[in-house]
Amino acid sequence: MSKAQPIRITTAGRSRAEDIAIRQKRYAISMSIRTLCFVGAVIAGLAGIGWLWPILIVAALILPYIAVVMANATNTKSDEMNLMDSPYGPRQLTSGREQQLGEKGEED
């Protein structure tokens, strides 16, 4: 059974720690694929598959750049909940002091 995800009622993004953890995971996966490409190139070269090993070597050379770009990319998807516009403008919370001053002004 899957764990139910909480409903987001804010437009705040992920926490910094969660964002870094996701980036580190993406980087580790990319570098693991790079290692597999390099090992595959060595095996393909020893097995005499002349067309495969150069492709794997090129992939192993390009993947570090891709891994760094992916690790530095931030989440650009927006899962915010758009609130309906009000004729009075956006709602804003006030401090207790402003609210007290507003009530005193109404009494006068």
PDB file of N, CA and C in Angstrom:
ATOM      1  N   MET A   1       0.849  -1.171   0.000  1.00  0.00           N
ATOM      2  CA  MET A   1       0.000   0.000   0.000  1.00  0.00           C
ATOM      3  C   MET A   1       0.897   1.236   0.000  1.00  0.00           C
ATOM      4  N   SER A   2       0.603   2.186  -0.844  1.00  0.00           N
ATOM      5  CA  SER A   2       1.432   3.388  -0.933  1.00  0.00           C
ATOM      6  C   SER A   2       1.030   4.384   0.153  1.00  0.00           C
ATOM      7  N   LYS A   3       2.010   5.139   0.565  1.00  0.00           N
ATOM      8  CA  LYS A   3       1.791   6.152   1.597  1.00  0.00           C
ATOM      9  C   LYS A   3       1.124   7.369   0.958  1.00  0.00           C
ATOM     10  N   ALA A   4       0.061   7.852   1.559  1.00  0.00           N
ATOM     11  CA  ALA A   4      -0.664   9.001   1.014  1.00  0.00           C
ATOM     12  C   ALA A   4       0.183  10.255   1.167  1.00  0.00           C
ATOM     13  N   GLN A   5       0.237  11.065   0.119  1.00  0.00           N
ATOM     14  CA  GLN A   5       0.970  12.319   0.144  1.00  0.00           C
ATOM     15  C   GLN A   5       0.088  13.399   0.743  1.00  0.00           C
ATOM     16  N   PRO A   6       0.655  14.259   1.580  1.00  0.00           N
ATOM     17  CA  PRO A   6      -0.153  15.338   2.144  1.00  0.00           C
ATOM     18  C   PRO A   6      -0.529  16.346   1.063  1.00  0.00           C
ATOM     19  N   ILE A   7      -1.618  17.020   1.271  1.00  0.00           N
ATOM     20  CA  ILE A   7      -2.078  18.046   0.341  1.00  0.00           C
ATOM     21  C   ILE A   7      -1.295  19.315   0.613  1.00  0.00           C
ATOM     22  N   ARG A   8      -0.749  19.898  -0.440  1.00  0.00           N
ATOM     23  CA  ARG A   8       0.002  21.151  -0.281  1.00  0.00           C
ATOM     24  C   ARG A   8      -0.957  22.318  -0.353  1.00  0.00           C
ATOM     25  N   ILE A   9      -0.879  23.171   0.649  1.00  0.00           N
ATOM     26  CA  ILE A   9      -1.724  24.362   0.656  1.00  0.00           C
ATOM     27  C   ILE A   9      -0.871  25.614   0.574  1.00  0.00           C
ATOM     28  N   THR A  10       0.371  25.461   0.179  1.00  0.00           N
ATOM     29  CA  THR A  10       1.277  26.591   0.074  1.00  0.00           C
ATOM     30  C   THR A  10       1.998  26.542  -1.269  1.00  0.00           C
ATOM     31  N   THR A  11       2.534  27.651  -1.660  1.00  0.00           N
ATOM     32  CA  THR A  11       3.297  27.683  -2.904  1.00  0.00           C
ATOM     33  C   THR A  11       4.786  27.542  -2.632  1.00  0.00           C
ATOM     34  N   ALA A  12       5.155  27.245  -1.396  1.00  0.00           N
ATOM     35  CA  ALA A  12       6.562  27.085  -1.049  1.00  0.00           C
ATOM     36  C   ALA A  12       7.129  25.840  -1.727  1.00  0.00           C
ATOM     37  N   GLY A  13       8.385  25.934  -2.157  1.00  0.00           N
ATOM     38  CA  GLY A  13       9.038  24.800  -2.799  1.00  0.00           C
ATOM     39  C   GLY A  13       9.539  23.804  -1.773  1.00  0.00           C
ATOM     40  N   ARG A  14      10.324  22.841  -2.284  1.00  0.00           N
ATOM     41  CA  ARG A  14      10.920  21.847  -1.402  1.00  0.00           C
ATOM     42  C   ARG A  14      11.916  22.502  -0.460  1.00  0.00           C
ATOM     43  N   SER A  15      12.196  21.821   0.627  1.00  0.00           N
ATOM     44  CA  SER A  15      13.209  22.321   1.546  1.00  0.00           C
ATOM     45  C   SER A  15      14.578  22.191   0.885  1.00  0.00           C
ATOM     46  N   ARG A  16      15.529  22.947   1.380  1.00  0.00           N
ATOM     47  CA  ARG A  16      16.882  22.932   0.810  1.00  0.00           C
ATOM     48  C   ARG A  16      17.512  21.548   0.945  1.00  0.00           C
ATOM     49  N   ALA A  17      17.335  20.914   2.091  1.00  0.00           N
ATOM     50  CA  ALA A  17      17.907  19.583   2.312  1.00  0.00           C
ATOM     51  C   ALA A  17      17.311  18.560   1.349  1.00  0.00           C
ATOM     52  N   GLU A  18      16.008  18.626   1.126  1.00  0.00           N
ATOM     53  CA  GLU A  18      15.347  17.697   0.207  1.00  0.00           C
ATOM     54  C   GLU A  18      15.810  17.944  -1.229  1.00  0.00           C
ATOM     55  N   ASP A  19      15.956  19.207  -1.609  1.00  0.00           N
ATOM     56  CA  ASP A  19      16.415  19.551  -2.947  1.00  0.00           C
ATOM     57  C   ASP A  19      17.838  19.043  -3.190  1.00  0.00           C
ATOM     58  N   ILE A  20      18.713  19.219  -2.200  1.00  0.00           N
ATOM     59  CA  ILE A  20      20.092  18.746  -2.333  1.00  0.00           C
ATOM     60  C   ILE A  20      20.135  17.230  -2.418  1.00  0.00           C
ATOM     61  N   ALA A  21      19.312  16.550  -1.628  1.00  0.00           N
ATOM     62  CA  ALA A  21      19.276  15.082  -1.664  1.00  0.00           C
ATOM     63  C   ALA A  21      18.848  14.572  -3.038  1.00  0.00           C
ATOM     64  N   ILE A  22      17.871  15.218  -3.640  1.00  0.00           N
ATOM     65  CA  ILE A  22      17.410  14.816  -4.977  1.00  0.00           C
ATOM     66  C   ILE A  22      18.503  15.066  -6.009  1.00  0.00           C
ATOM     67  N   ARG A  23      19.197  16.198  -5.908  1.00  0.00           N
ATOM     68  CA  ARG A  23      20.287  16.493  -6.844  1.00  0.00           C
ATOM     69  C   ARG A  23      21.425  15.493  -6.705  1.00  0.00           C
ATOM     70  N   GLN A  24      21.770  15.139  -5.460  1.00  0.00           N
ATOM     71  CA  GLN A  24      22.843  14.171  -5.239  1.00  0.00           C
ATOM     72  C   GLN A  24      22.477  12.809  -5.810  1.00  0.00           C
ATOM     73  N   LYS A  25      21.235  12.424  -5.679  1.00  0.00           N
ATOM     74  CA  LYS A  25      20.783  11.142  -6.215  1.00  0.00           C
ATOM     75  C   LYS A  25      20.888  11.134  -7.738  1.00  0.00           C
ATOM     76  N   ARG A  26      20.462  12.224  -8.389  1.00  0.00           N
ATOM     77  CA  ARG A  26      20.571  12.323  -9.848  1.00  0.00           C
ATOM     78  C   ARG A  26      22.022  12.245 -10.300  1.00  0.00           C
ATOM     79  N   TYR A  27      22.910  12.929  -9.574  1.00  0.00           N
ATOM     80  CA  TYR A  27      24.333  12.928  -9.919  1.00  0.00           C
ATOM     81  C   TYR A  27      24.921  11.529  -9.758  1.00  0.00           C
ATOM     82  N   ALA A  28      24.585  10.850  -8.666  1.00  0.00           N
ATOM     83  CA  ALA A  28      25.105   9.499  -8.433  1.00  0.00           C
ATOM     84  C   ALA A  28      24.626   8.530  -9.510  1.00  0.00           C
ATOM     85  N   ILE A  29      23.377   8.654  -9.927  1.00  0.00           N
ATOM     86  CA  ILE A  29      22.851   7.782 -10.985  1.00  0.00           C
ATOM     87  C   ILE A  29      23.586   8.053 -12.303  1.00  0.00           C
ATOM     88  N   SER A  30      23.777   9.327 -12.636  1.00  0.00           N
ATOM     89  CA  SER A  30      24.476   9.676 -13.875  1.00  0.00           C
ATOM     90  C   SER A  30      25.910   9.153 -13.881  1.00  0.00           C
ATOM     91  N   MET A  31      26.597   9.284 -12.759  1.00  0.00           N
ATOM     92  CA  MET A  31      27.982   8.822 -12.696  1.00  0.00           C
ATOM     93  C   MET A  31      28.060   7.296 -12.693  1.00  0.00           C
ATOM     94  N   SER A  32      27.039   6.625 -12.168  1.00  0.00           N
ATOM     95  CA  SER A  32      26.986   5.161 -12.237  1.00  0.00           C
ATOM     96  C   SER A  32      26.824   4.710 -13.683  1.00  0.00           C
ATOM     97  N   ILE A  33      25.983   5.412 -14.431  1.00  0.00           N
ATOM     98  CA  ILE A  33      25.806   5.089 -15.855  1.00  0.00           C
ATOM     99  C   ILE A  33      27.118   5.326 -16.592  1.00  0.00           C
ATOM    100  N   ARG A  34      27.840   6.380 -16.236  1.00  0.00           N
ATOM    101  CA  ARG A  34      29.136   6.653 -16.860  1.00  0.00           C
ATOM    102  C   ARG A  34      30.112   5.503 -16.605  1.00  0.00           C
ATOM    103  N   THR A  35      30.149   5.028 -15.369  1.00  0.00           N
ATOM    104  CA  THR A  35      31.035   3.912 -15.026  1.00  0.00           C
ATOM    105  C   THR A  35      30.667   2.667 -15.821  1.00  0.00           C
ATOM    106  N   LEU A  36      29.372   2.405 -15.946  1.00  0.00           N
ATOM    107  CA  LEU A  36      28.927   1.255 -16.740  1.00  0.00           C
ATOM    108  C   LEU A  36      29.327   1.406 -18.206  1.00  0.00           C
ATOM    109  N   CYS A  37      29.246   2.628 -18.737  1.00  0.00           N
ATOM    110  CA  CYS A  37      29.667   2.860 -20.124  1.00  0.00           C
ATOM    111  C   CYS A  37      31.158   2.570 -20.287  1.00  0.00           C
ATOM    112  N   PHE A  38      31.961   3.012 -19.344  1.00  0.00           N
ATOM    113  CA  PHE A  38      33.403   2.792 -19.434  1.00  0.00           C
ATOM    114  C   PHE A  38      33.724   1.299 -19.341  1.00  0.00           C
ATOM    115  N   VAL A  39      33.124   0.609 -18.370  1.00  0.00           N
ATOM    116  CA  VAL A  39      33.357  -0.837 -18.231  1.00  0.00           C
ATOM    117  C   VAL A  39      32.849  -1.572 -19.469  1.00  0.00           C
ATOM    118  N   GLY A  40      31.692  -1.160 -19.983  1.00  0.00           N
ATOM    119  CA  GLY A  40      31.159  -1.766 -21.205  1.00  0.00           C
ATOM    120  C   GLY A  40      32.073  -1.551 -22.395  1.00  0.00           C
ATOM    121  N   ALA A  41      32.702  -0.373 -22.470  1.00  0.00           N
ATOM    122  CA  ALA A  41      33.636  -0.097 -23.567  1.00  0.00           C
ATOM    123  C   ALA A  41      34.855  -1.009 -23.490  1.00  0.00           C
ATOM    124  N   VAL A  42      35.356  -1.220 -22.287  1.00  0.00           N
ATOM    125  CA  VAL A  42      36.514  -2.122 -22.126  1.00  0.00           C
ATOM    126  C   VAL A  42      36.130  -3.547 -22.524  1.00  0.00           C
ATOM    127  N   ILE A  43      34.971  -3.999 -22.061  1.00  0.00           N
ATOM    128  CA  ILE A  43      34.516  -5.356 -22.402  1.00  0.00           C
ATOM    129  C   ILE A  43      34.267  -5.479 -23.897  1.00  0.00           C
ATOM    130  N   ALA A  44      33.638  -4.466 -24.498  1.00  0.00           N
ATOM    131  CA  ALA A  44      33.373  -4.503 -25.948  1.00  0.00           C
ATOM    132  C   ALA A  44      34.681  -4.495 -26.727  1.00  0.00           C
ATOM    133  N   GLY A  45      35.683  -3.736 -26.261  1.00  0.00           N
ATOM    134  CA  GLY A  45      36.984  -3.712 -26.932  1.00  0.00           C
ATOM    135  C   GLY A  45      37.686  -5.048 -26.844  1.00  0.00           C
ATOM    136  N   LEU A  46      37.616  -5.692 -25.688  1.00  0.00           N
ATOM    137  CA  LEU A  46      38.243  -7.010 -25.520  1.00  0.00           C
ATOM    138  C   LEU A  46      37.503  -8.087 -26.306  1.00  0.00           C
ATOM    139  N   ALA A  47      36.189  -7.921 -26.463  1.00  0.00           N
ATOM    140  CA  ALA A  47      35.389  -8.901 -27.198  1.00  0.00           C
ATOM    141  C   ALA A  47      35.481  -8.693 -28.705  1.00  0.00           C
ATOM    142  N   GLY A  48      36.098  -7.600 -29.128  1.00  0.00           N
ATOM    143  CA  GLY A  48      36.269  -7.353 -30.557  1.00  0.00           C
ATOM    144  C   GLY A  48      35.078  -6.701 -31.224  1.00  0.00           C
ATOM    145  N   ILE A  49      34.215  -6.080 -30.466  1.00  0.00           N
ATOM    146  CA  ILE A  49      33.064  -5.370 -31.050  1.00  0.00           C
ATOM    147  C   ILE A  49      33.541  -3.960 -31.352  1.00  0.00           C
ATOM    148  N   GLY A  50      34.038  -3.775 -32.570  1.00  0.00           N
ATOM    149  CA  GLY A  50      34.706  -2.542 -32.951  1.00  0.00           C
ATOM    150  C   GLY A  50      33.820  -1.323 -33.042  1.00  0.00           C
ATOM    151  N   TRP A  51      32.551  -1.465 -33.271  1.00  0.00           N
ATOM    152  CA  TRP A  51      31.673  -0.308 -33.425  1.00  0.00           C
ATOM    153  C   TRP A  51      31.087   0.161 -32.092  1.00  0.00           C
ATOM    154  N   LEU A  52      31.060  -0.705 -31.067  1.00  0.00           N
ATOM    155  CA  LEU A  52      30.392  -0.371 -29.818  1.00  0.00           C
ATOM    156  C   LEU A  52      31.284   0.396 -28.841  1.00  0.00           C
ATOM    157  N   TRP A  53      32.554   0.011 -28.744  1.00  0.00           N
ATOM    158  CA  TRP A  53      33.388   0.637 -27.716  1.00  0.00           C
ATOM    159  C   TRP A  53      33.625   2.128 -27.929  1.00  0.00           C
ATOM    160  N   PRO A  54      33.761   2.622 -29.187  1.00  0.00           N
ATOM    161  CA  PRO A  54      33.920   4.082 -29.318  1.00  0.00           C
ATOM    162  C   PRO A  54      32.674   4.870 -28.875  1.00  0.00           C
ATOM    163  N   ILE A  55      31.512   4.300 -29.125  1.00  0.00           N
ATOM    164  CA  ILE A  55      30.267   4.958 -28.709  1.00  0.00           C
ATOM    165  C   ILE A  55      30.201   5.035 -27.187  1.00  0.00           C
ATOM    166  N   LEU A  56      30.578   3.946 -26.521  1.00  0.00           N
ATOM    167  CA  LEU A  56      30.540   3.925 -25.063  1.00  0.00           C
ATOM    168  C   LEU A  56      31.595   4.853 -24.457  1.00  0.00           C
ATOM    169  N   ILE A  57      32.750   4.960 -25.109  1.00  0.00           N
ATOM    170  CA  ILE A  57      33.788   5.880 -24.626  1.00  0.00           C
ATOM    171  C   ILE A  57      33.301   7.329 -24.747  1.00  0.00           C
ATOM    172  N   VAL A  58      32.688   7.670 -25.868  1.00  0.00           N
ATOM    173  CA  VAL A  58      32.149   9.028 -26.051  1.00  0.00           C
ATOM    174  C   VAL A  58      31.076   9.311 -24.998  1.00  0.00           C
ATOM    175  N   ALA A  59      30.214   8.335 -24.750  1.00  0.00           N
ATOM    176  CA  ALA A  59      29.180   8.509 -23.730  1.00  0.00           C
ATOM    177  C   ALA A  59      29.812   8.711 -22.352  1.00  0.00           C
ATOM    178  N   ALA A  60      30.874   7.965 -22.057  1.00  0.00           N
ATOM    179  CA  ALA A  60      31.557   8.106 -20.766  1.00  0.00           C
ATOM    180  C   ALA A  60      32.244   9.463 -20.640  1.00  0.00           C
ATOM    181  N   LEU A  61      32.638  10.052 -21.756  1.00  0.00           N
ATOM    182  CA  LEU A  61      33.270  11.368 -21.718  1.00  0.00           C
ATOM    183  C   LEU A  61      32.251  12.505 -21.605  1.00  0.00           C
ATOM    184  N   ILE A  62      31.076  12.314 -22.179  1.00  0.00           N
ATOM    185  CA  ILE A  62      30.049  13.361 -22.180  1.00  0.00           C
ATOM    186  C   ILE A  62      29.211  13.349 -20.901  1.00  0.00           C
ATOM    187  N   LEU A  63      29.033  12.182 -20.292  1.00  0.00           N
ATOM    188  CA  LEU A  63      28.136  12.083 -19.138  1.00  0.00           C
ATOM    189  C   LEU A  63      28.538  12.939 -17.929  1.00  0.00           C
ATOM    190  N   PRO A  64      29.825  13.193 -17.643  1.00  0.00           N
ATOM    191  CA  PRO A  64      30.110  14.084 -16.509  1.00  0.00           C
ATOM    192  C   PRO A  64      29.526  15.483 -16.689  1.00  0.00           C
ATOM    193  N   TYR A  65      29.598  16.012 -17.902  1.00  0.00           N
ATOM    194  CA  TYR A  65      29.023  17.335 -18.171  1.00  0.00           C
ATOM    195  C   TYR A  65      27.505  17.295 -17.945  1.00  0.00           C
ATOM    196  N   ILE A  66      26.863  16.284 -18.472  1.00  0.00           N
ATOM    197  CA  ILE A  66      25.412  16.156 -18.322  1.00  0.00           C
ATOM    198  C   ILE A  66      25.047  15.977 -16.854  1.00  0.00           C
ATOM    199  N   ALA A  67      25.850  15.190 -16.113  1.00  0.00           N
ATOM    200  CA  ALA A  67      25.571  14.959 -14.695  1.00  0.00           C
ATOM    201  C   ALA A  67      25.666  16.258 -13.892  1.00  0.00           C
ATOM    202  N   VAL A  68      26.657  17.080 -14.197  1.00  0.00           N
ATOM    203  CA  VAL A  68      26.816  18.345 -13.470  1.00  0.00           C
ATOM    204  C   VAL A  68      25.675  19.302 -13.805  1.00  0.00           C
ATOM    205  N   VAL A  69      25.302  19.377 -15.063  1.00  0.00           N
ATOM    206  CA  VAL A  69      24.190  20.254 -15.459  1.00  0.00           C
ATOM    207  C   VAL A  69      22.900  19.797 -14.784  1.00  0.00           C
ATOM    208  N   MET A  70      22.655  18.494 -14.764  1.00  0.00           N
ATOM    209  CA  MET A  70      21.448  17.978 -14.121  1.00  0.00           C
ATOM    210  C   MET A  70      21.479  18.199 -12.612  1.00  0.00           C
ATOM    211  N   ALA A  71      22.652  18.070 -12.001  1.00  0.00           N
ATOM    212  CA  ALA A  71      22.760  18.269 -10.545  1.00  0.00           C
ATOM    213  C   ALA A  71      22.542  19.729 -10.170  1.00  0.00           C
ATOM    214  N   ASN A  72      22.926  20.651 -11.055  1.00  0.00           N
ATOM    215  CA  ASN A  72      22.772  22.069 -10.761  1.00  0.00           C
ATOM    216  C   ASN A  72      21.409  22.613 -11.153  1.00  0.00           C
ATOM    217  N   ALA A  73      20.633  21.844 -11.889  1.00  0.00           N
ATOM    218  CA  ALA A  73      19.310  22.295 -12.318  1.00  0.00           C
ATOM    219  C   ALA A  73      18.364  22.283 -11.127  1.00  0.00           C
ATOM    220  N   THR A  74      17.618  23.349 -10.982  1.00  0.00           N
ATOM    221  CA  THR A  74      16.631  23.409  -9.906  1.00  0.00           C
ATOM    222  C   THR A  74      15.283  22.972 -10.440  1.00  0.00           C
ATOM    223  N   ASN A  75      14.401  22.716  -9.539  1.00  0.00           N
ATOM    224  CA  ASN A  75      13.055  22.299  -9.915  1.00  0.00           C
ATOM    225  C   ASN A  75      12.308  23.497 -10.480  1.00  0.00           C
ATOM    226  N   THR A  76      11.956  23.429 -11.756  1.00  0.00           N
ATOM    227  CA  THR A  76      11.232  24.538 -12.381  1.00  0.00           C
ATOM    228  C   THR A  76       9.738  24.258 -12.472  1.00  0.00           C
ATOM    229  N   LYS A  77       9.343  23.053 -12.125  1.00  0.00           N
ATOM    230  CA  LYS A  77       7.922  22.743 -12.160  1.00  0.00           C
ATOM    231  C   LYS A  77       7.230  23.444 -11.011  1.00  0.00           C
ATOM    232  N   SER A  78       6.056  23.913 -11.277  1.00  0.00           N
ATOM    233  CA  SER A  78       5.300  24.608 -10.253  1.00  0.00           C
ATOM    234  C   SER A  78       4.094  23.763  -9.893  1.00  0.00           C
ATOM    235  N   ASP A  79       4.011  23.383  -8.635  1.00  0.00           N
ATOM    236  CA  ASP A  79       2.831  22.644  -8.199  1.00  0.00           C
ATOM    237  C   ASP A  79       1.981  23.513  -7.280  1.00  0.00           C
ATOM    238  N   GLU A  80       2.095  24.807  -7.518  1.00  0.00           N
ATOM    239  CA  GLU A  80       1.348  25.733  -6.684  1.00  0.00           C
ATOM    240  C   GLU A  80      -0.133  25.695  -7.007  1.00  0.00           C
ATOM    241  N   MET A  81      -0.895  26.073  -6.053  1.00  0.00           N
ATOM    242  CA  MET A  81      -2.336  26.126  -6.216  1.00  0.00           C
ATOM    243  C   MET A  81      -2.709  27.589  -6.440  1.00  0.00           C
ATOM    244  N   ASN A  82      -3.218  27.907  -7.601  1.00  0.00           N
ATOM    245  CA  ASN A  82      -3.587  29.287  -7.904  1.00  0.00           C
ATOM    246  C   ASN A  82      -4.843  29.663  -7.146  1.00  0.00           C
ATOM    247  N   LEU A  83      -4.773  30.778  -6.472  1.00  0.00           N
ATOM    248  CA  LEU A  83      -5.911  31.268  -5.724  1.00  0.00           C
ATOM    249  C   LEU A  83      -6.709  32.228  -6.591  1.00  0.00           C
ATOM    250  N   MET A  84      -8.013  32.235  -6.376  1.00  0.00           N
ATOM    251  CA  MET A  84      -8.857  33.117  -7.174  1.00  0.00           C
ATOM    252  C   MET A  84      -8.626  34.567  -6.775  1.00  0.00           C
ATOM    253  N   ASP A  85      -8.709  35.438  -7.737  1.00  0.00           N
ATOM    254  CA  ASP A  85      -8.553  36.863  -7.454  1.00  0.00           C
ATOM    255  C   ASP A  85      -9.783  37.387  -6.722  1.00  0.00           C
ATOM    256  N   SER A  86      -9.533  38.389  -5.933  1.00  0.00           N
ATOM    257  CA  SER A  86     -10.591  39.023  -5.164  1.00  0.00           C
ATOM    258  C   SER A  86     -10.714  40.471  -5.636  1.00  0.00           C
ATOM    259  N   PRO A  87     -11.895  41.050  -5.603  1.00  0.00           N
ATOM    260  CA  PRO A  87     -12.013  42.460  -5.987  1.00  0.00           C
ATOM    261  C   PRO A  87     -11.285  43.382  -5.011  1.00  0.00           C
ATOM    262  N   TYR A  88     -10.942  42.880  -3.833  1.00  0.00           N
ATOM    263  CA  TYR A  88     -10.247  43.669  -2.825  1.00  0.00           C
ATOM    264  C   TYR A  88      -8.737  43.469  -2.872  1.00  0.00           C
ATOM    265  N   GLY A  89      -8.229  42.741  -3.850  1.00  0.00           N
ATOM    266  CA  GLY A  89      -6.798  42.460  -3.938  1.00  0.00           C
ATOM    267  C   GLY A  89      -6.466  41.179  -3.185  1.00  0.00           C
ATOM    268  N   PRO A  90      -5.204  40.829  -3.190  1.00  0.00           N
ATOM    269  CA  PRO A  90      -4.824  39.591  -2.513  1.00  0.00           C
ATOM    270  C   PRO A  90      -4.959  39.722  -0.995  1.00  0.00           C
ATOM    271  N   ARG A  91      -5.355  38.646  -0.370  1.00  0.00           N
ATOM    272  CA  ARG A  91      -5.495  38.661   1.081  1.00  0.00           C
ATOM    273  C   ARG A  91      -4.118  38.658   1.714  1.00  0.00           C
ATOM    274  N   GLN A  92      -3.984  39.406   2.772  1.00  0.00           N
ATOM    275  CA  GLN A  92      -2.715  39.472   3.480  1.00  0.00           C
ATOM    276  C   GLN A  92      -2.991  39.401   4.974  1.00  0.00           C
ATOM    277  N   LEU A  93      -2.101  38.723   5.657  1.00  0.00           N
ATOM    278  CA  LEU A  93      -2.198  38.673   7.108  1.00  0.00           C
ATOM    279  C   LEU A  93      -1.616  39.946   7.683  1.00  0.00           C
ATOM    280  N   THR A  94      -2.207  40.415   8.735  1.00  0.00           N
ATOM    281  CA  THR A  94      -1.686  41.605   9.395  1.00  0.00           C
ATOM    282  C   THR A  94      -1.142  41.199  10.753  1.00  0.00           C
ATOM    283  N   SER A  95      -0.292  42.050  11.293  1.00  0.00           N
ATOM    284  CA  SER A  95       0.218  41.788  12.636  1.00  0.00           C
ATOM    285  C   SER A  95      -0.865  42.134  13.647  1.00  0.00           C
ATOM    286  N   GLY A  96      -0.715  41.666  14.855  1.00  0.00           N
ATOM    287  CA  GLY A  96      -1.689  41.963  15.902  1.00  0.00           C
ATOM    288  C   GLY A  96      -1.766  43.451  16.182  1.00  0.00           C
ATOM    289  N   ARG A  97      -0.642  44.146  16.056  1.00  0.00           N
ATOM    290  CA  ARG A  97      -0.588  45.587  16.319  1.00  0.00           C
ATOM    291  C   ARG A  97      -1.439  46.333  15.286  1.00  0.00           C
ATOM    292  N   GLU A  98      -1.313  45.981  14.026  1.00  0.00           N
ATOM    293  CA  GLU A  98      -2.098  46.646  12.979  1.00  0.00           C
ATOM    294  C   GLU A  98      -3.587  46.386  13.176  1.00  0.00           C
ATOM    295  N   GLN A  99      -3.912  45.176  13.606  1.00  0.00           N
ATOM    296  CA  GLN A  99      -5.317  44.843  13.815  1.00  0.00           C
ATOM    297  C   GLN A  99      -5.891  45.633  14.987  1.00  0.00           C
ATOM    298  N   GLN A 100      -5.099  45.796  16.060  1.00  0.00           N
ATOM    299  CA  GLN A 100      -5.556  46.576  17.213  1.00  0.00           C
ATOM    300  C   GLN A 100      -5.773  48.032  16.837  1.00  0.00           C
ATOM    301  N   LEU A 101      -4.841  48.578  16.038  1.00  0.00           N
ATOM    302  CA  LEU A 101      -4.978  49.968  15.606  1.00  0.00           C
ATOM    303  C   LEU A 101      -6.210  50.145  14.737  1.00  0.00           C
ATOM    304  N   GLY A 102      -6.482  49.157  13.891  1.00  0.00           N
ATOM    305  CA  GLY A 102      -7.656  49.222  13.030  1.00  0.00           C
ATOM    306  C   GLY A 102      -8.952  49.202  13.820  1.00  0.00           C
ATOM    307  N   GLU A 103      -8.994  48.397  14.894  1.00  0.00           N
ATOM    308  CA  GLU A 103     -10.194  48.323  15.728  1.00  0.00           C
ATOM    309  C   GLU A 103     -10.391  49.604  16.513  1.00  0.00           C
ATOM    310  N   LYS A 104      -9.306  50.223  16.985  1.00  0.00           N
ATOM    311  CA  LYS A 104      -9.426  51.470  17.721  1.00  0.00           C
ATOM    312  C   LYS A 104      -9.907  52.595  16.825  1.00  0.00           C
ATOM    313  N   GLY A 105      -9.471  52.561  15.545  1.00  0.00           N
ATOM    314  CA  GLY A 105      -9.895  53.591  14.596  1.00  0.00           C
ATOM    315  C   GLY A 105     -11.377  53.471  14.283  1.00  0.00           C
ATOM    316  N   GLU A 106     -11.927  52.243  14.322  1.00  0.00           N
ATOM    317  CA  GLU A 106     -13.337  52.053  14.031  1.00  0.00           C
ATOM    318  C   GLU A 106     -14.196  52.536  15.183  1.00  0.00           C
ATOM    319  N   GLU A 107     -13.651  52.467  16.433  1.00  0.00           N
ATOM    320  CA  GLU A 107     -14.436  52.883  17.596  1.00  0.00           C
ATOM    321  C   GLU A 107     -14.574  54.396  17.664  1.00  0.00           C
ATOM    322  N   ASP A 108     -13.550  55.133  17.164  1.00  0.00           N
ATOM    323  CA  ASP A 108     -13.554  56.593  17.264  1.00  0.00           C
ATOM    324  C   ASP A 108     -14.608  57.230  16.446  1.00  0.00           C
TER     325      ASP A 108
END
